[in-house]
C-alpha cells in the first residue's frame, strides 16, 4: 500500500522566507520558547495549494497549532485573490470536459478515489486526530470511514436519478426535464469534521459534473491536502478539484464574491453565513448554508434510561461537543429528573479526557485556545446567574502529561438550575457543555424546545409511539431522532430550519442543488 507521504517541505526560496520574516511579528505566539514558523523553522509540515492538478507554493503562510500541545506544527498557505483567480481559471477550463463525461464515467472516478482514501485510512485518521484534536478512535471509526462512504454513496446515487415527463394530448405536446451541472462550485467547509464535511460537498458536486474550488478551514487543512495527493491516481482530471487554503476574509471572500462562481455551499457559523449572503447577492448565486444548532433532548418519564443516558452523554460530548448536532439542552420530565440527573452526571464523569492519540480517551482537545476560552466563558456566565455546575469545568480535576499541559483540554460539563433565557440555553456554545432542566407537560416542553432561534436537530426519548409522533411533528427542527442519535440515512434530507440554515443536503437534495433544471417542450 502506497502512503500519502506527510513529508516536511524544506528549502523554500529566499524570497518567500523574506516575506514570512516580514510577517513574523503580526502573528501571535502561543507560548514562550516556540519559534514562529514565519521565522523559517525547518521541522514543520508545510502545505501547498492544489490548483489545476498541481501543488503550488504560496508567498505567505500562517501557523497551525496542535490542539493537544498548543505548539505550532504546520504551515498553511495564506492565500488570497491571486490564488482564487488561478483556481477559477483552472476550473473553468476543466468544466467542459468533465461535465461532458457520462454519469457512469464520473462514478468510476469517485469509486477509485474512495478506494484510495480507504487504503490510507490509518494515515488520514492519525493526521485528522492531531490536526483537529479529536480522539484517534473517533477519526478511525467515524471521520475517515464516512469520508470514504461519501464518495461511494454519490458515485452510486448519480446513476439512479430520473427526470419528469408529462404529455398534453389536447395540444400534442410532450414536456420533459433535464438537469445540467451549474459550473464552478465554491465549497467552504469547517474545522470540526474536516475531511468528513469536505467530502460531503466535493463528492456530489463533481458527481453531478461540476468543477470545484474548495476552501477548508485554515485551522484544519492537513487531510484536505493529503486527499489532493490521491486525485490524479483516482483519475480526476486537472482543474476538476482545486483546493485553496487560507482564511475566510482573504480566500473565502474572494471565492464567494467571484462572478464566475455561481454556487456556494457553506457549513459554519451564522455570522459568516450572513457575510456570504451579502457578498453573493449581487450575483444571484445559489446558496446552501448549513449552520449551527441549539439542539434539545426531550426525555419523558417512560424513557428507557439504560439506553437514554449513555446515548445522551455521547450526543452531548462527542468530538468535544464540537458537532453541530450535539445535544446542548436536556429537558427531563420531573418525575424522573432526580434519577436521570444523578445517573447522567455519574456517566459523564466516566468519560476520559486524554491526548488524541490515546485509544482509550473519550474526548480530546478543543480546536484552539480562543475557542477554549469562549466555551469557558459560558460556564462563568452560568455561575454568575446562579446556576449549578455539577461536574466538569471548575468542579473536577483534569490530569494530563507534562507536554500537554498547554493543550486546549476541558472536562465535559453539566449545568443545572438554569433559566431558559440564559445565554447557555439560547446560544450555541459548540463545546463539551450541556444544560439539564426539568419539565412538566408535553405541550410545555415543545414550546420551550422551540423557543430558540436555531432549528437543526432534536432527540425524543419515550416508549409511547403516539407521543413520539406528536412531538416530532411539532418540533421546529430539520431532524428528529427518537430513542437514538446520529443515525443517518444519506438518501434523506439533511439540514435545519430558522437560523440553522438554508437548503438541504442528501442524495436528491444535493443533486438538485448542484444542477440546474430545464423544461423542454416538443410539439408533435
Protein backbone atom coordinates (compact mmCIF):
# COMPACT_ATOMS: atom_id res chain seq x y z
CA UNK A 1 0.00 0.00 0.00
CA UNK A 2 1.36 3.37 -1.00
CA UNK A 3 1.33 6.07 1.66
CA UNK A 4 0.29 9.65 1.25
CA UNK A 5 3.64 10.90 2.50
CA UNK A 6 3.38 13.51 5.24
CA UNK A 7 6.80 14.77 4.31
CA UNK A 8 8.21 18.01 5.69
CA UNK A 9 8.97 20.52 2.94
CA UNK A 10 12.20 22.48 3.30
CA UNK A 11 14.46 24.57 1.10
CA UNK A 12 11.98 27.32 0.36
CA UNK A 13 13.25 30.22 -1.70
CA UNK A 14 14.87 33.19 -0.02
CA UNK A 15 12.14 35.44 -1.37
CA UNK A 16 9.38 33.50 0.34
CA UNK A 17 11.40 33.29 3.55
CA UNK A 18 11.85 37.07 3.46
CA UNK A 19 8.10 37.50 3.03
CA UNK A 20 7.38 35.31 6.02
CA UNK A 21 10.08 37.11 8.04
CA UNK A 22 8.29 40.41 7.43
CA UNK A 23 5.04 38.94 8.77
CA UNK A 24 6.52 37.27 11.82
CA UNK A 25 5.60 39.98 14.28
CA UNK A 26 1.99 40.11 13.06
CA UNK A 27 1.28 36.56 14.22
CA UNK A 28 0.59 35.69 17.87
CA UNK A 29 2.93 33.36 19.69
CA UNK A 30 1.14 30.94 21.96
CA UNK A 31 3.89 30.18 24.44
CA UNK A 32 7.43 31.18 25.28
CA UNK A 33 10.11 29.22 23.52
CA UNK A 34 8.02 28.37 20.43
CA UNK A 35 9.69 29.76 17.31
CA UNK A 36 7.19 31.16 14.83
CA UNK A 37 7.02 29.30 11.56
CA UNK A 38 7.42 32.63 9.80
CA UNK A 39 10.99 32.68 11.05
CA UNK A 40 11.77 29.72 8.84
CA UNK A 41 11.54 26.76 11.23
CA UNK A 42 12.58 23.64 9.32
CA UNK A 43 10.80 20.92 11.29
CA UNK A 44 7.21 21.79 10.38
CA UNK A 45 4.82 20.40 7.81
CA UNK A 46 4.22 22.94 5.04
CA UNK A 47 1.10 22.70 2.91
CA UNK A 48 0.63 23.96 -0.63
CA UNK A 49 -2.42 24.92 -2.64
CA UNK A 50 -3.69 22.42 -5.20
CA UNK A 51 -4.62 24.15 -8.45
CA UNK A 52 -5.04 22.61 -11.90
CA UNK A 53 -3.75 19.25 -10.74
CA UNK A 54 -0.52 20.61 -9.26
CA UNK A 55 0.75 21.66 -5.85
CA UNK A 56 1.50 25.37 -5.91
CA UNK A 57 3.52 27.14 -3.16
CA UNK A 58 2.28 30.39 -1.67
CA UNK A 59 4.11 33.63 -0.95
CA UNK A 60 2.75 33.79 2.59
CA UNK A 61 1.95 31.25 5.31
CA UNK A 62 0.08 31.15 8.60
CA UNK A 63 0.64 28.97 11.65
CA UNK A 64 -1.50 25.97 12.50
CA UNK A 65 -1.44 24.65 16.07
CA UNK A 66 -1.58 21.18 17.56
CA UNK A 67 -4.61 21.46 19.90
CA UNK A 68 -3.19 18.88 22.29
CA UNK A 69 0.04 20.80 22.99
CA UNK A 70 -0.58 24.40 21.92
CA UNK A 71 2.53 24.22 19.73
CA UNK A 72 2.81 25.23 16.09
CA UNK A 73 3.23 22.12 13.96
CA UNK A 74 2.10 23.10 10.47
CA UNK A 75 2.22 25.98 7.97
CA UNK A 76 -0.88 26.73 5.91
CA UNK A 77 -0.89 28.94 2.78
CA UNK A 78 -2.24 32.42 3.45
CA UNK A 79 -3.83 32.64 0.01
CA UNK A 80 -5.91 35.42 -1.47
CA UNK A 81 -7.44 36.77 -4.67
CA UNK A 82 -4.50 35.75 -6.87
CA UNK A 83 -4.80 32.09 -5.92
CA UNK A 84 -8.58 32.11 -6.29
CA UNK A 85 -8.24 33.64 -9.75
CA UNK A 86 -5.85 30.87 -10.78
CA UNK A 87 -8.24 28.25 -9.40
CA UNK A 88 -11.19 29.78 -11.26
CA UNK A 89 -9.22 29.71 -14.49
CA UNK A 90 -8.35 26.04 -13.96
CA UNK A 91 -11.91 25.07 -13.00
CA UNK A 92 -13.37 26.95 -15.95
CA UNK A 93 -11.04 25.19 -18.41
CA UNK A 94 -11.78 21.76 -16.93
CA UNK A 95 -15.57 22.14 -16.84
CA UNK A 96 -16.46 21.35 -20.48
CA UNK A 97 -14.59 18.05 -20.50
CA UNK A 98 -15.66 16.89 -17.05
CA UNK A 99 -19.34 17.83 -17.48
CA UNK A 100 -19.42 16.02 -20.83
CA UNK A 101 -18.44 12.72 -19.22
CA UNK A 102 -21.28 10.30 -18.59
CA UNK A 103 -22.50 9.68 -15.05
CA UNK A 104 -21.04 6.18 -15.33
CA UNK A 105 -17.57 7.56 -16.09
CA UNK A 106 -17.71 10.05 -13.24
CA UNK A 107 -18.99 7.32 -10.94
CA UNK A 108 -15.95 5.15 -11.68
CA UNK A 109 -13.61 8.01 -10.75
CA UNK A 110 -15.39 8.58 -7.45
CA UNK A 111 -15.23 4.88 -6.63
CA UNK A 112 -11.47 4.84 -7.29
CA UNK A 113 -10.98 7.86 -5.04
CA UNK A 114 -13.00 6.17 -2.29
CA UNK A 115 -10.79 3.09 -2.57
CA UNK A 116 -7.62 5.17 -2.28
CA UNK A 117 -8.93 7.00 0.76
CA UNK A 118 -9.83 3.70 2.38
CA UNK A 119 -6.34 2.31 1.73
CA UNK A 120 -4.93 5.36 3.53
CA UNK A 121 -7.46 5.27 6.38
CA UNK A 122 -4.98 4.92 9.24
CA UNK A 123 -2.65 7.65 7.98
CA UNK A 124 -5.58 10.02 7.41
CA UNK A 125 -7.04 9.22 10.83
CA UNK A 126 -3.73 9.95 12.57
CA UNK A 127 -3.46 13.27 10.75
CA UNK A 128 -7.08 14.24 11.43
CA UNK A 129 -6.73 13.45 15.12
CA UNK A 130 -3.62 15.56 15.54
CA UNK A 131 -4.84 18.44 13.41
CA UNK A 132 -8.30 18.79 14.96
CA UNK A 133 -7.77 17.48 18.49
CA UNK A 134 -10.37 14.71 18.21
CA UNK A 135 -9.60 11.23 19.52
CA UNK A 136 -7.89 8.78 17.22
CA UNK A 137 -10.76 6.36 17.87
CA UNK A 138 -13.33 8.83 16.51
CA UNK A 139 -11.18 9.63 13.49
CA UNK A 140 -10.75 5.92 12.74
CA UNK A 141 -14.36 4.92 13.23
CA UNK A 142 -16.29 7.98 12.03
CA UNK A 143 -14.44 10.77 10.22
CA UNK A 144 -12.39 8.84 7.67
CA UNK A 145 -14.83 5.95 7.07
CA UNK A 146 -17.60 8.48 6.48
CA UNK A 147 -15.36 10.38 4.05
CA UNK A 148 -14.91 7.15 2.10
CA UNK A 149 -18.65 6.49 2.23
CA UNK A 150 -19.45 9.97 0.91
CA UNK A 151 -17.63 9.26 -2.36
CA UNK A 152 -19.09 5.77 -2.68
CA UNK A 153 -22.60 6.97 -1.92
CA UNK A 154 -22.65 9.76 -4.51
CA UNK A 155 -20.81 7.56 -7.02
CA UNK A 156 -23.79 5.24 -6.79
CA UNK A 157 -26.63 7.74 -6.43
CA UNK A 158 -25.60 9.67 -9.55
CA UNK A 159 -26.59 6.61 -11.59
CA UNK A 160 -30.16 6.47 -10.32
CA UNK A 161 -31.72 9.89 -10.82
CA UNK A 162 -34.80 10.16 -13.01
CA UNK A 163 -36.40 13.09 -14.81
CA UNK A 164 -40.00 14.27 -15.09
CA UNK A 165 -42.13 13.82 -18.19
CA UNK A 166 -45.75 14.69 -18.99
CA UNK A 167 -47.86 14.76 -22.14
CA UNK A 168 -50.60 17.19 -23.21
CA UNK A 169 -52.64 15.23 -25.71
CA UNK A 170 -55.11 18.02 -26.46
CA UNK A 171 -52.35 20.22 -27.92
CA UNK A 172 -50.00 17.44 -28.99
CA UNK A 173 -47.10 18.37 -26.72
CA UNK A 174 -44.61 16.34 -24.71
CA UNK A 175 -42.84 18.01 -21.80
CA UNK A 176 -39.76 16.66 -20.06
CA UNK A 177 -36.99 17.96 -17.83
CA UNK A 178 -33.23 17.64 -17.95
CA UNK A 179 -30.60 18.65 -15.41
CA UNK A 180 -27.15 20.04 -16.11
CA UNK A 181 -24.24 20.90 -13.78
CA UNK A 182 -24.15 24.51 -12.64
CA UNK A 183 -20.45 25.15 -13.39
CA UNK A 184 -17.83 26.06 -10.80
CA UNK A 185 -18.89 25.21 -7.26
CA UNK A 186 -17.39 27.11 -4.33
CA UNK A 187 -17.18 24.85 -1.27
CA UNK A 188 -16.33 26.13 2.21
CA UNK A 189 -16.00 23.51 4.95
CA UNK A 190 -15.50 23.83 8.74
CA UNK A 191 -12.89 22.66 11.23
CA UNK A 192 -14.89 20.25 13.38
CA UNK A 193 -15.19 17.34 10.91
CA UNK A 194 -12.60 18.44 8.35
CA UNK A 195 -12.39 15.67 5.73
CA UNK A 196 -15.85 14.28 6.54
CA UNK A 197 -17.65 17.53 5.66
CA UNK A 198 -15.32 18.50 2.81
CA UNK A 199 -16.04 15.23 1.01
CA UNK A 200 -19.76 15.62 1.75
CA UNK A 201 -19.56 18.64 -0.56
CA UNK A 202 -16.90 17.62 -3.09
CA UNK A 203 -18.45 14.22 -3.85
CA UNK A 204 -21.94 15.37 -5.00
CA UNK A 205 -20.52 18.44 -6.75
CA UNK A 206 -18.16 16.53 -9.04
CA UNK A 207 -20.53 13.56 -9.36
CA UNK A 208 -23.05 15.96 -10.93
CA UNK A 209 -20.41 17.21 -13.40
CA UNK A 210 -19.28 20.44 -11.75
CA UNK A 211 -15.72 21.53 -11.14
CA UNK A 212 -14.93 22.80 -7.67
CA UNK A 213 -12.85 25.25 -5.69
CA UNK A 214 -12.76 24.24 -2.04
CA UNK A 215 -11.61 26.21 0.97
CA UNK A 216 -11.10 24.08 4.07
CA UNK A 217 -10.75 25.75 7.46
CA UNK A 218 -7.29 27.21 7.97
CA UNK A 219 -7.33 25.52 11.39
CA UNK A 220 -7.63 22.00 9.92
CA UNK A 221 -6.22 21.80 6.42
CA UNK A 222 -3.94 18.76 6.52
CA UNK A 223 -6.28 15.95 5.44
CA UNK A 224 -7.65 18.04 2.55
CA UNK A 225 -4.06 18.48 1.35
CA UNK A 226 -3.47 14.75 1.76
CA UNK A 227 -6.54 13.96 -0.33
CA UNK A 228 -5.15 16.10 -3.14
CA UNK A 229 -2.31 13.60 -3.49
CA UNK A 230 -4.84 10.92 -4.45
CA UNK A 231 -6.81 12.82 -7.08
CA UNK A 232 -4.55 12.10 -10.05
CA UNK A 233 -4.26 8.42 -9.12
CA UNK A 234 -8.05 8.23 -8.99
CA UNK A 235 -8.33 9.71 -12.47
CA UNK A 236 -9.64 13.15 -11.52
CA UNK A 237 -8.56 15.44 -14.39
CA UNK A 238 -6.56 18.60 -13.60
CA UNK A 239 -8.77 21.53 -12.66
CA UNK A 240 -11.79 19.47 -11.61
CA UNK A 241 -10.90 19.72 -7.91
CA UNK A 242 -8.94 22.75 -6.74
CA UNK A 243 -8.22 23.40 -3.07
CA UNK A 244 -7.08 26.83 -1.92
CA UNK A 245 -6.05 27.21 1.71
CA UNK A 246 -6.31 30.31 3.85
CA UNK A 247 -8.58 32.46 5.96
CA UNK A 248 -12.18 33.48 5.41
CA UNK A 249 -11.55 37.22 4.95
CA UNK A 250 -8.92 36.57 2.25
CA UNK A 251 -9.75 33.32 0.44
CA UNK A 252 -13.38 32.87 1.45
CA UNK A 253 -14.48 36.35 0.43
CA UNK A 254 -12.55 36.19 -2.85
CA UNK A 255 -14.26 32.90 -3.67
CA UNK A 256 -17.76 33.97 -2.64
CA UNK A 257 -17.63 37.27 -4.49
CA UNK A 258 -16.11 35.93 -7.72
CA UNK A 259 -18.60 36.44 -10.58
CA UNK A 260 -17.68 33.14 -12.28
CA UNK A 261 -18.51 31.01 -9.24
CA UNK A 262 -22.33 30.68 -9.43
CA UNK A 263 -22.81 28.40 -6.45
CA UNK A 264 -21.61 28.38 -2.83
CA UNK A 265 -22.02 25.53 -0.35
CA UNK A 266 -21.04 26.56 3.17
CA UNK A 267 -21.00 24.84 6.55
CA UNK A 268 -20.14 27.00 9.53
CA UNK A 269 -21.38 29.85 11.71
CA UNK A 270 -24.35 32.14 11.24
CA UNK A 271 -22.30 35.40 11.17
CA UNK A 272 -20.16 34.02 8.34
CA UNK A 273 -23.29 32.90 6.50
CA UNK A 274 -24.66 36.44 6.74
CA UNK A 275 -21.46 37.77 5.15
CA UNK A 276 -21.65 35.14 2.39
CA UNK A 277 -25.24 36.16 1.67
CA UNK A 278 -24.24 39.82 1.38
CA UNK A 279 -21.32 39.13 -0.95
CA UNK A 280 -23.18 36.70 -3.18
CA UNK A 281 -26.42 38.68 -3.51
CA UNK A 282 -25.27 40.93 -6.39
CA UNK A 283 -24.52 37.79 -8.44
CA UNK A 284 -27.74 35.87 -7.56
CA UNK A 285 -25.74 32.79 -6.57
CA UNK A 286 -27.23 29.51 -5.43
CA UNK A 287 -26.57 29.08 -1.72
CA UNK A 288 -26.58 26.11 0.62
CA UNK A 289 -25.94 27.19 4.21
CA UNK A 290 -25.61 24.55 6.94
CA UNK A 291 -25.25 26.48 10.19
CA UNK A 292 -25.43 25.99 13.94
CA UNK A 293 -27.79 24.38 16.38
CA UNK A 294 -29.00 24.52 19.96
CA UNK A 295 -30.32 21.01 19.93
CA UNK A 296 -32.75 19.78 22.61
CA UNK A 297 -33.16 16.30 24.01
CA UNK A 298 -36.63 15.64 25.44
CA UNK A 299 -36.72 12.76 27.90
CA UNK A 300 -40.14 11.59 29.00
CA UNK A 301 -40.81 9.59 32.15
CA UNK A 302 -41.33 6.36 30.18
CA UNK A 303 -37.89 6.56 28.53
CA UNK A 304 -35.53 3.59 28.76
CA UNK A 305 -32.79 5.22 30.85
CA UNK A 306 -30.36 2.34 30.31
CA UNK A 307 -30.20 3.31 26.64
CA UNK A 308 -31.02 7.00 27.03
CA UNK A 309 -28.26 8.01 29.43
CA UNK A 310 -25.18 6.65 27.61
CA UNK A 311 -26.55 7.85 24.27
CA UNK A 312 -27.29 11.32 25.64
CA UNK A 313 -23.81 11.56 27.18
CA UNK A 314 -22.42 10.72 23.74
CA UNK A 315 -24.73 13.16 21.97
CA UNK A 316 -23.65 15.91 24.37
CA UNK A 317 -19.89 15.41 24.37
CA UNK A 318 -18.83 13.51 21.24
CA UNK A 319 -15.95 15.22 19.43
CA UNK A 320 -15.61 17.55 22.46
CA UNK A 321 -19.14 18.78 21.76
CA UNK A 322 -17.85 20.25 18.50
CA UNK A 323 -20.59 18.83 16.28
CA UNK A 324 -23.50 20.96 15.12
CA UNK A 325 -25.83 18.07 16.03
CA UNK A 326 -24.67 17.75 19.65
CA UNK A 327 -27.24 17.96 22.44
CA UNK A 328 -26.83 21.14 24.50
CA UNK A 329 -30.26 21.35 26.20
CA UNK A 330 -31.68 18.33 28.02
CA UNK A 331 -35.32 18.54 29.15
CA UNK A 332 -36.26 15.79 31.61
CA UNK A 333 -39.77 15.10 32.91
CA UNK A 334 -39.97 15.98 36.60
CA UNK A 335 -40.94 12.51 37.84
CA UNK A 336 -37.57 11.09 36.72
CA UNK A 337 -35.49 14.28 36.87
CA UNK A 338 -33.50 13.48 40.04
CA UNK A 339 -32.80 9.91 38.97
CA UNK A 340 -31.73 10.98 35.49
CA UNK A 341 -29.50 13.78 36.77
CA UNK A 342 -27.65 11.54 39.22
CA UNK A 343 -27.02 8.81 36.65
CA UNK A 344 -26.19 11.29 33.87
CA UNK A 345 -23.54 13.06 35.95
CA UNK A 346 -22.10 9.73 37.03
CA UNK A 347 -21.85 8.58 33.40
CA UNK A 348 -20.37 11.92 32.31
CA UNK A 349 -17.61 11.66 34.91
CA UNK A 350 -16.65 8.29 33.43
CA UNK A 351 -15.75 9.91 30.11
CA UNK A 352 -11.98 10.07 29.87
CA UNK A 353 -10.41 13.28 28.59
CA UNK A 354 -6.99 12.43 27.19
CA UNK A 355 -4.48 13.11 24.46
CA UNK A 356 -5.95 12.48 21.00
CA UNK A 357 -3.60 9.55 20.29
CA UNK A 358 -4.85 7.65 23.35
CA UNK A 359 -7.28 4.97 22.06
CA UNK A 360 -8.97 4.82 25.47
CA UNK A 361 -9.84 8.54 25.51
CA UNK A 362 -13.49 9.55 25.10
CA UNK A 363 -12.64 13.20 24.39
CA UNK A 364 -9.59 15.00 23.06
CA UNK A 365 -8.70 18.69 22.87
CA UNK A 366 -10.79 21.62 21.68
CA UNK A 367 -9.77 23.21 18.40
CA UNK A 368 -8.00 26.35 19.65
CA UNK A 369 -7.07 28.42 22.68
CA UNK A 370 -9.56 31.11 21.67
CA UNK A 371 -12.36 28.58 21.37
CA UNK A 372 -11.49 27.02 24.72
CA UNK A 373 -11.68 30.44 26.37
CA UNK A 374 -15.04 31.12 24.68
CA UNK A 375 -16.51 27.84 25.96
CA UNK A 376 -15.21 28.50 29.48
CA UNK A 377 -16.73 31.98 29.41
CA UNK A 378 -20.21 30.46 29.13
CA UNK A 379 -19.64 28.43 32.28
CA UNK A 380 -18.54 31.58 34.11
CA UNK A 381 -21.72 33.34 32.95
CA UNK A 382 -23.83 30.45 34.20
CA UNK A 383 -22.25 30.75 37.64
CA UNK A 384 -22.96 34.48 37.82
CA UNK A 385 -26.61 33.70 37.03
CA UNK A 386 -26.84 31.29 39.96
CA UNK A 387 -26.68 28.04 38.02
CA UNK A 388 -25.01 24.94 39.46
CA UNK A 389 -22.08 23.20 37.78
CA UNK A 390 -22.49 19.54 38.70
CA UNK A 391 -19.34 18.18 37.05
CA UNK A 392 -16.57 19.29 34.74
CA UNK A 393 -15.02 22.72 34.44
CA UNK A 394 -14.25 24.22 37.85
CA UNK A 395 -15.55 21.17 39.72
CA UNK A 396 -13.41 18.18 38.74
CA UNK A 397 -9.68 17.98 38.07
CA UNK A 398 -8.03 17.08 34.78
CA UNK A 399 -4.79 15.09 34.62
CA UNK A 400 -2.58 15.37 31.54
CA UNK A 401 1.03 14.52 30.63
CA UNK A 402 3.53 17.39 31.04
CA UNK A 403 3.87 18.09 27.31
CA UNK A 404 0.09 18.51 27.02
CA UNK A 405 -0.40 20.94 29.90
CA UNK A 406 -0.76 23.84 27.44
CA UNK A 407 -3.22 21.93 25.26
CA UNK A 408 -6.81 23.04 24.83
CA UNK A 409 -8.50 20.47 27.07
CA UNK A 410 -11.52 20.70 29.32
CA UNK A 411 -13.76 18.21 31.07
CA UNK A 412 -17.35 17.51 29.97
CA UNK A 413 -19.51 19.89 31.96
CA UNK A 414 -23.11 19.59 33.16
CA UNK A 415 -25.08 22.69 34.23
CA UNK A 416 -28.44 22.73 36.02
CA UNK A 417 -30.70 25.18 37.89
CA UNK A 418 -30.54 27.44 34.86
CA UNK A 419 -33.29 29.55 33.26
CA UNK A 420 -34.45 29.19 29.66
CA UNK A 421 -33.47 32.78 28.87
CA UNK A 422 -29.83 32.23 29.90
CA UNK A 423 -27.25 32.56 27.14
CA UNK A 424 -26.22 28.98 27.94
CA UNK A 425 -29.72 27.86 26.95
CA UNK A 426 -30.05 30.19 23.94
CA UNK A 427 -26.65 30.40 22.23
CA UNK A 428 -24.57 27.76 20.52
CA UNK A 429 -21.58 27.01 22.76
CA UNK A 430 -20.08 24.32 20.49
CA UNK A 431 -18.14 22.66 23.26
CA UNK A 432 -18.49 19.94 25.92
CA UNK A 433 -21.21 21.74 27.86
CA UNK A 434 -24.85 20.74 28.30
CA UNK A 435 -27.70 22.05 30.46
CA UNK A 436 -30.23 19.76 32.19
CA UNK A 437 -33.61 21.17 33.25
CA UNK A 438 -36.98 19.67 34.32
CA UNK A 439 -40.37 19.97 32.62
CA UNK A 440 -43.97 19.02 33.43
CA UNK A 441 -46.07 18.51 30.31
CA UNK A 442 -45.73 17.62 26.64
CA UNK A 443 -47.12 20.96 25.49
CA UNK A 444 -44.78 22.88 27.80
CA UNK A 445 -41.61 21.14 26.65
CA UNK A 446 -42.44 21.56 22.96
CA UNK A 447 -42.84 25.31 23.48
CA UNK A 448 -39.57 25.53 25.42
CA UNK A 449 -37.64 23.39 22.93
CA UNK A 450 -38.83 25.63 20.08
CA UNK A 451 -38.01 28.88 21.91
CA UNK A 452 -34.53 29.39 20.40
CA UNK A 453 -33.57 30.82 17.02
CA UNK A 454 -31.99 27.57 15.88
CA UNK A 455 -33.79 24.54 14.47
CA UNK A 456 -31.31 21.89 13.39
CA UNK A 457 -31.91 18.65 15.33
CA UNK A 458 -33.68 17.19 18.34
CA UNK A 459 -33.91 13.87 20.16
CA UNK A 460 -37.00 12.46 21.83
CA UNK A 461 -36.92 9.60 24.33
CA UNK A 462 -40.18 7.76 25.05
CA UNK A 463 -41.78 4.33 24.70
CA UNK A 464 -45.13 5.89 23.71
CA UNK A 465 -45.32 5.76 19.91
CA UNK A 466 -48.22 8.21 19.70
CA UNK A 467 -46.35 10.74 21.82
CA UNK A 468 -43.20 10.33 19.70
CA UNK A 469 -45.13 11.15 16.51
CA UNK A 470 -46.96 14.10 18.07
CA UNK A 471 -43.84 15.69 19.49
CA UNK A 472 -41.67 15.05 16.42
CA UNK A 473 -44.17 16.79 14.15
CA UNK A 474 -44.35 19.87 16.40
CA UNK A 475 -40.62 20.38 16.92
CA UNK A 476 -39.18 23.12 14.71
CA UNK A 477 -36.11 21.21 13.61
CA UNK A 478 -34.91 19.69 10.38
CA UNK A 479 -34.09 16.36 12.02
CA UNK A 480 -35.66 14.46 14.91
CA UNK A 481 -34.12 11.30 16.33
CA UNK A 482 -36.26 9.20 18.65
CA UNK A 483 -34.64 6.77 21.10
CA UNK A 484 -31.33 7.18 19.24
CA UNK A 485 -28.91 9.82 17.97
CA UNK A 486 -26.90 10.47 14.80
CA UNK A 487 -28.18 7.57 12.76
CA UNK A 488 -28.04 8.95 9.23
CA UNK A 489 -29.69 7.78 6.03
CA UNK A 490 -27.85 9.65 3.30
CA UNK A 491 -30.74 9.37 0.85
CA UNK A 492 -32.87 11.59 3.06
CA UNK A 493 -32.59 15.38 3.50
CA UNK A 494 -30.16 16.88 5.98
CA UNK A 495 -30.46 20.49 7.12
CA UNK A 496 -32.12 22.85 9.55
CA UNK A 497 -34.88 25.42 10.00
CA UNK A 498 -34.76 29.04 11.14
CA UNK A 499 -31.19 30.24 11.82
CA UNK A 500 -29.81 26.74 11.37
CA UNK A 501 -29.51 27.21 7.64
CA UNK A 502 -30.90 27.32 4.14
CA UNK A 503 -31.34 24.27 1.93
CA UNK A 504 -30.89 20.55 2.37
CA UNK A 505 -28.19 18.01 1.56
CA UNK A 506 -28.58 14.34 0.63
CA UNK A 507 -28.89 12.18 -2.47
CA UNK A 508 -31.76 14.03 -4.15
CA UNK A 509 -31.27 17.41 -2.47
CA UNK A 510 -27.55 17.67 -3.22
CA UNK A 511 -28.12 16.61 -6.82
CA UNK A 512 -30.76 19.28 -7.27
CA UNK A 513 -28.54 21.91 -5.65
CA UNK A 514 -25.51 21.15 -7.81
CA UNK A 515 -27.54 21.12 -11.04
CA UNK A 516 -29.90 23.42 -12.92
CA UNK A 517 -33.20 22.10 -14.22
CA UNK A 518 -34.54 22.82 -17.69
CA UNK A 519 -38.01 22.07 -19.09
CA UNK A 520 -38.16 21.07 -22.77
CA UNK A 521 -41.44 21.09 -24.70
CA UNK A 522 -41.86 19.28 -28.02
CA UNK A 523 -44.94 19.64 -30.17
CA UNK A 524 -45.55 16.59 -32.28
